[in-house]
C-alpha atoms as a PDB file:
ATOM      1  CA  MET A   1       6.713 -10.707 -26.629  1.00  0.00           C
ATOM      2  CA  THR A   2       5.480  -7.380 -28.025  1.00  0.00           C
ATOM      3  CA  SER A   3       4.986  -4.305 -25.875  1.00  0.00           C
ATOM      4  CA  SER A   4       1.176  -4.594 -26.194  1.00  0.00           C
ATOM      5  CA  HIS A   5       1.391  -8.105 -24.781  1.00  0.00           C
ATOM      6  CA  ARG A   6       3.574  -6.935 -21.921  1.00  0.00           C
ATOM      7  CA  TYR A   7       1.070  -4.108 -21.162  1.00  0.00           C
ATOM      8  CA  LEU A   8      -1.780  -6.603 -21.100  1.00  0.00           C
ATOM      9  CA  LEU A   9       0.181  -9.054 -18.886  1.00  0.00           C
ATOM     10  CA  VAL A  10       1.030  -6.222 -16.421  1.00  0.00           C
ATOM     11  CA  ALA A  11      -2.513  -4.884 -16.431  1.00  0.00           C
ATOM     12  CA  ALA A  12      -3.892  -8.382 -15.837  1.00  0.00           C
ATOM     13  CA  ALA A  13      -1.523  -9.023 -12.991  1.00  0.00           C
ATOM     14  CA  GLY A  14      -2.194  -5.643 -11.504  1.00  0.00           C
ATOM     15  CA  LEU A  15      -5.855  -6.207 -11.739  1.00  0.00           C
ATOM     16  CA  ALA A  16      -5.620  -9.578 -10.086  1.00  0.00           C
ATOM     17  CA  LEU A  17      -3.516  -8.250  -7.321  1.00  0.00           C
ATOM     18  CA  THR A  18      -5.650  -5.252  -6.452  1.00  0.00           C
ATOM     19  CA  ALA A  19      -9.189  -6.790  -6.707  1.00  0.00           C
ATOM     20  CA  CYS A  20      -9.276  -7.629  -3.007  1.00  0.00           C
ATOM     21  CA  ALA A  21      -7.949  -4.400  -1.604  1.00  0.00           C
ATOM     22  CA  TYR A  22      -9.668  -2.979   1.479  1.00  0.00           C
ATOM     23  CA  SER A  23     -11.438   0.292   1.024  1.00  0.00           C
ATOM     24  CA  SER A  24     -12.342   1.441   4.522  1.00  0.00           C
ATOM     25  CA  PRO A  25     -10.006   0.337   7.353  1.00  0.00           C
ATOM     26  CA  SER A  26     -11.065   0.737  10.961  1.00  0.00           C
ATOM     27  CA  THR A  27     -10.113  -0.081  14.475  1.00  0.00           C
ATOM     28  CA  GLY A  28     -12.724  -2.723  14.545  1.00  0.00           C
ATOM     29  CA  THR A  29     -14.970  -0.482  16.766  1.00  0.00           C
ATOM     30  CA  GLY A  30     -16.234   1.554  13.738  1.00  0.00           C
ATOM     31  CA  THR A  31     -13.584   4.223  14.346  1.00  0.00           C
ATOM     32  CA  PRO A  32     -11.698   5.086  11.085  1.00  0.00           C
ATOM     33  CA  ILE A  33      -8.027   4.407  11.314  1.00  0.00           C
ATOM     34  CA  PRO A  34      -6.148   7.826  10.954  1.00  0.00           C
ATOM     35  CA  SER A  35      -4.739   8.416   7.529  1.00  0.00           C
ATOM     36  CA  ALA A  36      -2.790  11.635   8.050  1.00  0.00           C
ATOM     37  CA  SER A  37      -0.036  10.581   5.692  1.00  0.00           C
ATOM     38  CA  ALA A  38      -2.377  10.314   2.704  1.00  0.00           C
ATOM     39  CA  ALA A  39      -2.742  14.042   2.801  1.00  0.00           C
ATOM     40  CA  ALA A  40       1.082  14.145   2.305  1.00  0.00           C
ATOM     41  CA  LEU A  41       0.635  12.407  -1.061  1.00  0.00           C
ATOM     42  CA  PRO A  42      -0.559  14.707  -3.772  1.00  0.00           C
ATOM     43  CA  ALA A  43      -4.099  13.975  -5.050  1.00  0.00           C
ATOM     44  CA  THR A  44      -2.592  13.840  -8.408  1.00  0.00           C
ATOM     45  CA  ASN A  45      -0.663  10.651  -7.608  1.00  0.00           C
ATOM     46  CA  PRO A  46      -2.683   7.726  -9.096  1.00  0.00           C
ATOM     47  CA  PHE A  47      -2.104   5.833  -5.813  1.00  0.00           C
ATOM     48  CA  PHE A  48      -3.626   8.521  -3.668  1.00  0.00           C
ATOM     49  CA  ALA A  49      -7.125   6.917  -3.642  1.00  0.00           C
ATOM     50  CA  ALA A  50      -8.469   3.560  -4.676  1.00  0.00           C
ATOM     51  CA  SER A  51      -9.131   3.321  -8.358  1.00  0.00           C
ATOM     52  CA  THR A  52     -12.531   3.919  -9.824  1.00  0.00           C
ATOM     53  CA  LEU A  53     -12.021   1.485 -12.578  1.00  0.00           C
ATOM     54  CA  GLN A  54     -13.801  -1.844 -12.449  1.00  0.00           C
ATOM     55  CA  TYR A  55     -12.454  -4.191  -9.721  1.00  0.00           C
ATOM     56  CA  GLN A  56     -10.212  -1.254  -8.715  1.00  0.00           C
ATOM     57  CA  ALA A  57      -7.884  -2.042 -11.513  1.00  0.00           C
ATOM     58  CA  PRO A  58      -4.803   0.235 -11.516  1.00  0.00           C
ATOM     59  CA  PRO A  59      -4.872   3.191 -13.839  1.00  0.00           C
ATOM     60  CA  PHE A  60      -1.760   2.239 -15.779  1.00  0.00           C
ATOM     61  CA  ASP A  61      -2.360   5.206 -18.193  1.00  0.00           C
ATOM     62  CA  ARG A  62      -1.777   7.560 -15.261  1.00  0.00           C
ATOM     63  CA  ILE A  63       1.121   5.791 -13.457  1.00  0.00           C
ATOM     64  CA  HIS A  64       4.486   7.144 -14.083  1.00  0.00           C
ATOM     65  CA  ASP A  65       7.775   5.781 -12.420  1.00  0.00           C
ATOM     66  CA  THR A  66       8.006   9.017 -10.380  1.00  0.00           C
ATOM     67  CA  ASP A  67       4.599   7.972  -8.613  1.00  0.00           C
ATOM     68  CA  TYR A  68       6.044   4.980  -6.803  1.00  0.00           C
ATOM     69  CA  GLN A  69       8.412   6.407  -4.261  1.00  0.00           C
ATOM     70  CA  PRO A  70       6.157   9.077  -2.858  1.00  0.00           C
ATOM     71  CA  ALA A  71       3.320   6.500  -2.635  1.00  0.00           C
ATOM     72  CA  PHE A  72       5.689   3.997  -0.836  1.00  0.00           C
ATOM     73  CA  GLU A  73       6.801   6.564   1.621  1.00  0.00           C
ATOM     74  CA  ALA A  74       3.292   7.987   2.304  1.00  0.00           C
ATOM     75  CA  GLY A  75       1.942   4.376   2.536  1.00  0.00           C
ATOM     76  CA  MET A  76       4.551   3.345   5.131  1.00  0.00           C
ATOM     77  CA  LYS A  77       3.779   6.413   7.259  1.00  0.00           C
ATOM     78  CA  GLN A  78       0.126   5.870   6.965  1.00  0.00           C
ATOM     79  CA  GLN A  79       0.488   2.302   8.199  1.00  0.00           C
ATOM     80  CA  ILE A  80       2.760   3.297  11.085  1.00  0.00           C
ATOM     81  CA  ALA A  81       0.067   5.908  12.262  1.00  0.00           C
ATOM     82  CA  GLU A  82      -2.691   3.035  11.863  1.00  0.00           C
ATOM     83  CA  ILE A  83      -0.559   0.761  13.904  1.00  0.00           C
ATOM     84  CA  ASP A  84       0.158   3.410  16.572  1.00  0.00           C
ATOM     85  CA  ALA A  85      -3.573   3.967  16.814  1.00  0.00           C
ATOM     86  CA  ILE A  86      -4.075   0.331  17.534  1.00  0.00           C
ATOM     87  CA  VAL A  87      -1.175   0.222  20.115  1.00  0.00           C
ATOM     88  CA  ASN A  88      -2.376   3.288  21.863  1.00  0.00           C
ATOM     89  CA  GLN A  89      -6.180   2.600  22.073  1.00  0.00           C
ATOM     90  CA  SER A  90      -7.651   2.960  25.557  1.00  0.00           C
ATOM     91  CA  GLY A  91      -9.505  -0.294  25.806  1.00  0.00           C
ATOM     92  CA  PRO A  92      -8.018  -3.846  26.365  1.00  0.00           C
ATOM     93  CA  PRO A  93      -6.748  -5.507  23.172  1.00  0.00           C
ATOM     94  CA  THR A  94      -9.227  -7.936  21.560  1.00  0.00           C
ATOM     95  CA  PHE A  95      -9.341  -9.675  18.209  1.00  0.00           C
ATOM     96  CA  ASP A  96     -11.696  -7.120  16.862  1.00  0.00           C
ATOM     97  CA  ASN A  97      -9.881  -3.962  17.949  1.00  0.00           C
ATOM     98  CA  THR A  98      -6.260  -5.299  17.339  1.00  0.00           C
ATOM     99  CA  ILE A  99      -5.921  -8.161  14.885  1.00  0.00           C
ATOM    100  CA  VAL A 100      -8.682  -7.052  12.503  1.00  0.00           C
ATOM    101  CA  PRO A 101      -7.488  -3.453  12.133  1.00  0.00           C
ATOM    102  CA  MET A 102      -3.846  -4.643  12.019  1.00  0.00           C
ATOM    103  CA  GLU A 103      -4.770  -6.823   9.019  1.00  0.00           C
ATOM    104  CA  ARG A 104      -6.531  -4.036   7.361  1.00  0.00           C
ATOM    105  CA  SER A 105      -3.832  -1.447   7.919  1.00  0.00           C
ATOM    106  CA  GLY A 106      -1.644  -0.312   5.190  1.00  0.00           C
ATOM    107  CA  VAL A 107      -4.153   0.130   2.296  1.00  0.00           C
ATOM    108  CA  LEU A 108      -2.095   2.684   0.424  1.00  0.00           C
ATOM    109  CA  LEU A 109       1.006   0.751   0.966  1.00  0.00           C
ATOM    110  CA  THR A 110      -0.567  -2.416  -0.356  1.00  0.00           C
ATOM    111  CA  ARG A 111      -2.049  -0.553  -3.337  1.00  0.00           C
ATOM    112  CA  VAL A 112       1.275   0.805  -4.588  1.00  0.00           C
ATOM    113  CA  ALA A 113       3.238  -2.390  -3.661  1.00  0.00           C
ATOM    114  CA  LYS A 114       1.051  -4.738  -5.599  1.00  0.00           C
ATOM    115  CA  VAL A 115       1.220  -2.599  -8.639  1.00  0.00           C
ATOM    116  CA  PHE A 116       4.874  -1.815  -8.336  1.00  0.00           C
ATOM    117  CA  PHE A 117       5.974  -5.438  -7.862  1.00  0.00           C
ATOM    118  CA  ALA A 118       3.526  -6.811 -10.552  1.00  0.00           C
ATOM    119  CA  VAL A 119       5.209  -4.209 -12.979  1.00  0.00           C
ATOM    120  CA  THR A 120       8.800  -5.011 -12.016  1.00  0.00           C
ATOM    121  CA  GLY A 121       8.116  -8.673 -12.160  1.00  0.00           C
ATOM    122  CA  ALA A 122       6.612  -8.430 -15.629  1.00  0.00           C
ATOM    123  CA  ASN A 123       8.646  -5.815 -17.326  1.00  0.00           C
ATOM    124  CA  THR A 124      11.369  -3.842 -15.420  1.00  0.00           C
ATOM    125  CA  ASP A 125      14.012  -1.328 -16.420  1.00  0.00           C
ATOM    126  CA  SER A 126      16.926   0.533 -14.735  1.00  0.00           C
ATOM    127  CA  THR A 127      14.657   3.234 -13.250  1.00  0.00           C
ATOM    128  CA  LEU A 128      12.318   0.706 -11.571  1.00  0.00           C
ATOM    129  CA  GLN A 129      15.342  -1.316 -10.415  1.00  0.00           C
ATOM    130  CA  ARG A 130      16.814   1.824  -8.734  1.00  0.00           C
ATOM    131  CA  ILE A 131      13.393   2.500  -7.010  1.00  0.00           C
ATOM    132  CA  GLN A 132      13.388  -1.288  -5.962  1.00  0.00           C
ATOM    133  CA  GLU A 133      16.901  -0.963  -4.580  1.00  0.00           C
ATOM    134  CA  GLN A 134      16.060   2.157  -2.570  1.00  0.00           C
ATOM    135  CA  GLU A 135      12.736   0.952  -1.289  1.00  0.00           C
ATOM    136  CA  ALA A 136      13.685  -2.609  -0.485  1.00  0.00           C
ATOM    137  CA  PRO A 137      15.583  -1.698   2.825  1.00  0.00           C
ATOM    138  CA  ARG A 138      12.937   0.735   3.794  1.00  0.00           C
ATOM    139  CA  LEU A 139      10.124  -1.769   3.339  1.00  0.00           C
ATOM    140  CA  ALA A 140      12.136  -4.270   5.312  1.00  0.00           C
ATOM    141  CA  ALA A 141      12.647  -1.708   8.214  1.00  0.00           C
ATOM    142  CA  HIS A 142       9.030  -0.848   7.936  1.00  0.00           C
ATOM    143  CA  SER A 143       7.953  -4.517   8.371  1.00  0.00           C
ATOM    144  CA  ASP A 144      10.339  -4.734  11.354  1.00  0.00           C
ATOM    145  CA  ALA A 145       8.831  -1.575  12.962  1.00  0.00           C
ATOM    146  CA  ILE A 146       5.455  -3.417  12.915  1.00  0.00           C
ATOM    147  CA  TYR A 147       6.385  -7.004  13.625  1.00  0.00           C
ATOM    148  CA  LEU A 148       8.787  -6.212  16.374  1.00  0.00           C
ATOM    149  CA  ASN A 149       6.728  -3.548  18.012  1.00  0.00           C
ATOM    150  CA  GLU A 150       6.719  -4.738  21.715  1.00  0.00           C
ATOM    151  CA  LYS A 151       3.783  -2.742  22.582  1.00  0.00           C
ATOM    152  CA  LEU A 152       1.612  -4.504  19.801  1.00  0.00           C
ATOM    153  CA  PHE A 153       2.633  -7.906  20.638  1.00  0.00           C
END
């Protein structure tokens, strides 16, 4: 397989994975979910905002190996802030103000994870493997912090 074929495979996988990303999460009451952590991610990071390409295809020409970890970290912080907003809302929990925003949380984390895992699944290297080794336990702890949150469930 030539490098151009690999690039096309990665681009197609990334496109397919990001085509259904949410663009404006809310608590289900029209109130936007806080995204304070996105500010911690530099606007120059290609994962900072949804891609403007057709179908929100990832801008592979702008993505570098050094972009993944800051985006993962900011995405996890952002999703925890979104979950905290759900948990700490003043009204009684309902499907629309709890389950819907919970499912829509983590847009930044989803955006970076879909691209990262598509790339590492198609064409990895030692740098990407190191990132994967460092982020895997953090991602597992992040999931635990959400799905084992007693206040949420």
